[in-house]
Amino acid sequence: MQKKGNKRIVISDSHQATVRAGEELAAQLTPGTVVYLYGELGSGKTVLVKGICKGLGVRESVTSPSFVIATEYHGDIPVSHIDLYRLSGLSAASLPIDDYVKEDGVTIVEWADRIKDRKNGIHIKITILGKTKRELTIEDSRH
């Protein structure tokens, strides 16, 4: 892991390593935190969400909520998982994200670049470096 200011860079070389990175990140999350995920299709956003949920004690199967927009999971604290992939820019911009934010839990937004109002939270950009290798750039902008 590299650190640059308030950014950390984690290199993952496998699906399992991305899950572990999510589990490690979960230990730093507190109720009310919003995690914004960015990255192209197939970069591993949902894999990271699985790790975060596992780290937060979610026992149920975690899948991409692409067709339902949002899914709620119950673990040690509640998790709201939002996926904006199927929404056009205009639809996503008008989605009341604040209605999904869990003050008593964690909210995770995939395809966060599709919304305009990205407030304080943890922003994670996943970049594909190879078939199984990923770079996770994690910026914590919580106040």
C-alpha atoms as a PDB file:
ATOM      1  CA  MET A   1       0.000   0.000   0.000  1.00  0.00           C
ATOM      2  CA  GLN A   2       1.214   3.479  -0.899  1.00  0.00           C
ATOM      3  CA  LYS A   3       0.087   6.700   0.768  1.00  0.00           C
ATOM      4  CA  LYS A   4      -0.096  10.102  -0.948  1.00  0.00           C
ATOM      5  CA  GLY A   5      -1.681  12.780   1.257  1.00  0.00           C
ATOM      6  CA  ASN A   6      -5.212  11.661   2.078  1.00  0.00           C
ATOM      7  CA  LYS A   7      -5.062   9.019  -0.680  1.00  0.00           C
ATOM      8  CA  ARG A   8      -4.035   5.398  -0.309  1.00  0.00           C
ATOM      9  CA  ILE A   9      -3.274   3.101  -3.204  1.00  0.00           C
ATOM     10  CA  VAL A  10      -3.840  -0.627  -2.856  1.00  0.00           C
ATOM     11  CA  ILE A  11      -2.811  -3.090  -5.562  1.00  0.00           C
ATOM     12  CA  SER A  12      -4.918  -6.225  -5.811  1.00  0.00           C
ATOM     13  CA  ASP A  13      -3.721  -9.168  -7.866  1.00  0.00           C
ATOM     14  CA  SER A  14      -6.809 -11.367  -7.506  1.00  0.00           C
ATOM     15  CA  HIS A  15     -10.529 -11.530  -6.784  1.00  0.00           C
ATOM     16  CA  GLN A  16      -9.713 -12.757  -3.266  1.00  0.00           C
ATOM     17  CA  ALA A  17      -7.297  -9.866  -2.647  1.00  0.00           C
ATOM     18  CA  THR A  18     -10.012  -7.377  -3.651  1.00  0.00           C
ATOM     19  CA  VAL A  19     -12.430  -9.043  -1.204  1.00  0.00           C
ATOM     20  CA  ARG A  20      -9.747  -8.796   1.521  1.00  0.00           C
ATOM     21  CA  ALA A  21      -9.212  -5.102   0.700  1.00  0.00           C
ATOM     22  CA  GLY A  22     -12.953  -4.583   1.190  1.00  0.00           C
ATOM     23  CA  GLU A  23     -12.856  -6.411   4.530  1.00  0.00           C
ATOM     24  CA  GLU A  24      -9.959  -4.232   5.691  1.00  0.00           C
ATOM     25  CA  LEU A  25     -11.777  -1.090   4.579  1.00  0.00           C
ATOM     26  CA  ALA A  26     -14.902  -2.167   6.494  1.00  0.00           C
ATOM     27  CA  ALA A  27     -12.953  -1.922   9.763  1.00  0.00           C
ATOM     28  CA  GLN A  28     -12.591   1.838   9.133  1.00  0.00           C
ATOM     29  CA  LEU A  29     -16.257   2.489   8.356  1.00  0.00           C
ATOM     30  CA  THR A  30     -18.602   4.063  10.862  1.00  0.00           C
ATOM     31  CA  PRO A  31     -22.382   4.545  10.762  1.00  0.00           C
ATOM     32  CA  GLY A  32     -23.345   7.294   8.344  1.00  0.00           C
ATOM     33  CA  THR A  33     -20.383   6.710   6.004  1.00  0.00           C
ATOM     34  CA  VAL A  34     -20.999   6.770   2.251  1.00  0.00           C
ATOM     35  CA  VAL A  35     -18.567   4.864   0.020  1.00  0.00           C
ATOM     36  CA  TYR A  36     -18.491   6.044  -3.606  1.00  0.00           C
ATOM     37  CA  LEU A  37     -17.127   3.568  -6.171  1.00  0.00           C
ATOM     38  CA  TYR A  38     -15.783   4.468  -9.615  1.00  0.00           C
ATOM     39  CA  GLY A  39     -14.427   2.198 -12.329  1.00  0.00           C
ATOM     40  CA  GLU A  40     -15.248   0.723 -15.681  1.00  0.00           C
ATOM     41  CA  LEU A  41     -17.440  -2.321 -16.208  1.00  0.00           C
ATOM     42  CA  GLY A  42     -15.691  -5.422 -14.884  1.00  0.00           C
ATOM     43  CA  SER A  43     -13.202  -3.520 -12.730  1.00  0.00           C
ATOM     44  CA  GLY A  44     -14.313  -5.212  -9.507  1.00  0.00           C
ATOM     45  CA  LYS A  45     -16.654  -2.746  -7.822  1.00  0.00           C
ATOM     46  CA  THR A  46     -19.127  -5.435  -6.737  1.00  0.00           C
ATOM     47  CA  VAL A  47     -16.256  -7.699  -5.637  1.00  0.00           C
ATOM     48  CA  LEU A  48     -15.060  -4.901  -3.352  1.00  0.00           C
ATOM     49  CA  VAL A  49     -18.629  -4.448  -2.059  1.00  0.00           C
ATOM     50  CA  LYS A  50     -18.711  -8.168  -1.189  1.00  0.00           C
ATOM     51  CA  GLY A  51     -15.579  -7.693   0.904  1.00  0.00           C
ATOM     52  CA  ILE A  52     -16.931  -4.594   2.636  1.00  0.00           C
ATOM     53  CA  CYS A  53     -20.173  -6.398   3.449  1.00  0.00           C
ATOM     54  CA  LYS A  54     -18.293  -9.453   4.710  1.00  0.00           C
ATOM     55  CA  GLY A  55     -16.229  -7.186   6.953  1.00  0.00           C
ATOM     56  CA  LEU A  56     -19.431  -5.584   8.263  1.00  0.00           C
ATOM     57  CA  GLY A  57     -20.880  -8.973   9.218  1.00  0.00           C
ATOM     58  CA  VAL A  58     -23.325  -9.436   6.335  1.00  0.00           C
ATOM     59  CA  ARG A  59     -24.044 -13.160   6.015  1.00  0.00           C
ATOM     60  CA  GLU A  60     -26.395 -13.093   3.016  1.00  0.00           C
ATOM     61  CA  SER A  61     -25.222 -13.315  -0.588  1.00  0.00           C
ATOM     62  CA  VAL A  62     -24.140  -9.943  -1.995  1.00  0.00           C
ATOM     63  CA  THR A  63     -24.863  -9.323  -5.669  1.00  0.00           C
ATOM     64  CA  SER A  64     -24.996  -6.310  -7.926  1.00  0.00           C
ATOM     65  CA  PRO A  65     -28.383  -4.598  -7.564  1.00  0.00           C
ATOM     66  CA  SER A  66     -28.250  -3.334 -11.177  1.00  0.00           C
ATOM     67  CA  PHE A  67     -31.850  -4.214 -11.956  1.00  0.00           C
ATOM     68  CA  VAL A  68     -33.367  -3.029  -8.666  1.00  0.00           C
ATOM     69  CA  ILE A  69     -31.060  -0.002  -8.154  1.00  0.00           C
ATOM     70  CA  ALA A  70     -30.692  -0.564  -4.381  1.00  0.00           C
ATOM     71  CA  THR A  71     -30.421  -3.515  -2.015  1.00  0.00           C
ATOM     72  CA  GLU A  72     -30.251  -3.474   1.755  1.00  0.00           C
ATOM     73  CA  TYR A  73     -28.202  -5.966   3.743  1.00  0.00           C
ATOM     74  CA  HIS A  74     -28.206  -6.656   7.464  1.00  0.00           C
ATOM     75  CA  GLY A  75     -24.952  -7.262   9.278  1.00  0.00           C
ATOM     76  CA  ASP A  76     -23.346  -5.777  12.360  1.00  0.00           C
ATOM     77  CA  ILE A  77     -24.670  -2.494  10.947  1.00  0.00           C
ATOM     78  CA  PRO A  78     -27.080  -2.049   8.000  1.00  0.00           C
ATOM     79  CA  VAL A  79     -25.655  -1.653   4.490  1.00  0.00           C
ATOM     80  CA  SER A  80     -27.430   0.075   1.610  1.00  0.00           C
ATOM     81  CA  HIS A  81     -25.912  -0.947  -1.760  1.00  0.00           C
ATOM     82  CA  ILE A  82     -26.842   1.297  -4.698  1.00  0.00           C
ATOM     83  CA  ASP A  83     -25.890   0.539  -8.307  1.00  0.00           C
ATOM     84  CA  LEU A  84     -26.471   3.324 -10.851  1.00  0.00           C
ATOM     85  CA  TYR A  85     -25.252   1.391 -13.920  1.00  0.00           C
ATOM     86  CA  ARG A  86     -28.659   1.054 -15.572  1.00  0.00           C
ATOM     87  CA  LEU A  87     -29.610   4.695 -15.063  1.00  0.00           C
ATOM     88  CA  SER A  88     -28.877   7.388 -17.605  1.00  0.00           C
ATOM     89  CA  GLY A  89     -27.093  10.500 -16.399  1.00  0.00           C
ATOM     90  CA  LEU A  90     -30.330  12.453 -16.074  1.00  0.00           C
ATOM     91  CA  SER A  91     -32.133   9.672 -14.186  1.00  0.00           C
ATOM     92  CA  ALA A  92     -29.207   9.127 -11.836  1.00  0.00           C
ATOM     93  CA  ALA A  93     -28.825  12.858 -11.217  1.00  0.00           C
ATOM     94  CA  SER A  94     -32.466  13.081 -10.144  1.00  0.00           C
ATOM     95  CA  LEU A  95     -32.307  10.007  -7.891  1.00  0.00           C
ATOM     96  CA  PRO A  96     -32.728  11.068  -4.244  1.00  0.00           C
ATOM     97  CA  ILE A  97     -29.510   9.406  -3.012  1.00  0.00           C
ATOM     98  CA  ASP A  98     -29.996  10.969   0.425  1.00  0.00           C
ATOM     99  CA  ASP A  99     -33.127   8.817   0.829  1.00  0.00           C
ATOM    100  CA  TYR A 100     -30.906   5.728   0.675  1.00  0.00           C
ATOM    101  CA  VAL A 101     -28.171   6.975   3.001  1.00  0.00           C
ATOM    102  CA  LYS A 102     -28.142   4.937   6.190  1.00  0.00           C
ATOM    103  CA  GLU A 103     -27.401   7.189   9.160  1.00  0.00           C
ATOM    104  CA  ASP A 104     -27.162   4.044  11.308  1.00  0.00           C
ATOM    105  CA  GLY A 105     -25.187   2.102   8.719  1.00  0.00           C
ATOM    106  CA  VAL A 106     -23.035   2.299   5.603  1.00  0.00           C
ATOM    107  CA  THR A 107     -24.141   3.312   2.109  1.00  0.00           C
ATOM    108  CA  ILE A 108     -22.186   2.090  -0.929  1.00  0.00           C
ATOM    109  CA  VAL A 109     -22.774   3.685  -4.362  1.00  0.00           C
ATOM    110  CA  GLU A 110     -21.481   1.941  -7.509  1.00  0.00           C
ATOM    111  CA  TRP A 111     -21.079   4.108 -10.632  1.00  0.00           C
ATOM    112  CA  ALA A 112     -20.929   7.173  -8.373  1.00  0.00           C
ATOM    113  CA  ASP A 113     -19.715   9.330 -11.259  1.00  0.00           C
ATOM    114  CA  ARG A 114     -23.333   9.314 -12.491  1.00  0.00           C
ATOM    115  CA  ILE A 115     -24.512  11.506  -9.633  1.00  0.00           C
ATOM    116  CA  LYS A 116     -23.634  15.148  -9.220  1.00  0.00           C
ATOM    117  CA  ASP A 117     -23.835  15.579  -5.467  1.00  0.00           C
ATOM    118  CA  ARG A 118     -21.111  13.380  -4.037  1.00  0.00           C
ATOM    119  CA  LYS A 119     -20.706  14.602  -0.509  1.00  0.00           C
ATOM    120  CA  ASN A 120     -18.242  13.670   2.171  1.00  0.00           C
ATOM    121  CA  GLY A 121     -17.325  10.028   2.219  1.00  0.00           C
ATOM    122  CA  ILE A 122     -14.809   7.550   0.946  1.00  0.00           C
ATOM    123  CA  HIS A 123     -14.146   7.687  -2.793  1.00  0.00           C
ATOM    124  CA  ILE A 124     -12.590   4.605  -4.388  1.00  0.00           C
ATOM    125  CA  LYS A 125     -11.465   4.456  -7.994  1.00  0.00           C
ATOM    126  CA  ILE A 126     -10.723   0.973  -9.303  1.00  0.00           C
ATOM    127  CA  THR A 127      -8.435   0.818 -12.325  1.00  0.00           C
ATOM    128  CA  ILE A 128      -7.868  -2.353 -14.347  1.00  0.00           C
ATOM    129  CA  LEU A 129      -4.131  -3.047 -14.631  1.00  0.00           C
ATOM    130  CA  GLY A 130      -4.377  -6.558 -16.069  1.00  0.00           C
ATOM    131  CA  LYS A 131      -6.582  -9.639 -16.255  1.00  0.00           C
ATOM    132  CA  THR A 132      -6.777  -9.976 -12.461  1.00  0.00           C
ATOM    133  CA  LYS A 133      -4.710  -6.994 -11.278  1.00  0.00           C
ATOM    134  CA  ARG A 134      -6.442  -3.859  -9.993  1.00  0.00           C
ATOM    135  CA  GLU A 135      -5.363  -0.558  -8.494  1.00  0.00           C
ATOM    136  CA  LEU A 136      -7.661   0.831  -5.800  1.00  0.00           C
ATOM    137  CA  THR A 137      -7.176   4.536  -5.134  1.00  0.00           C
ATOM    138  CA  ILE A 138      -8.901   5.314  -1.847  1.00  0.00           C
ATOM    139  CA  GLU A 139      -9.558   8.912  -0.814  1.00  0.00           C
ATOM    140  CA  ASP A 140     -11.215   9.631   2.504  1.00  0.00           C
ATOM    141  CA  SER A 141     -13.003  12.998   2.425  1.00  0.00           C
ATOM    142  CA  ARG A 142     -15.030  12.497   5.601  1.00  0.00           C
ATOM    143  CA  HIS A 143     -15.023  15.498   7.931  1.00  0.00           C
END
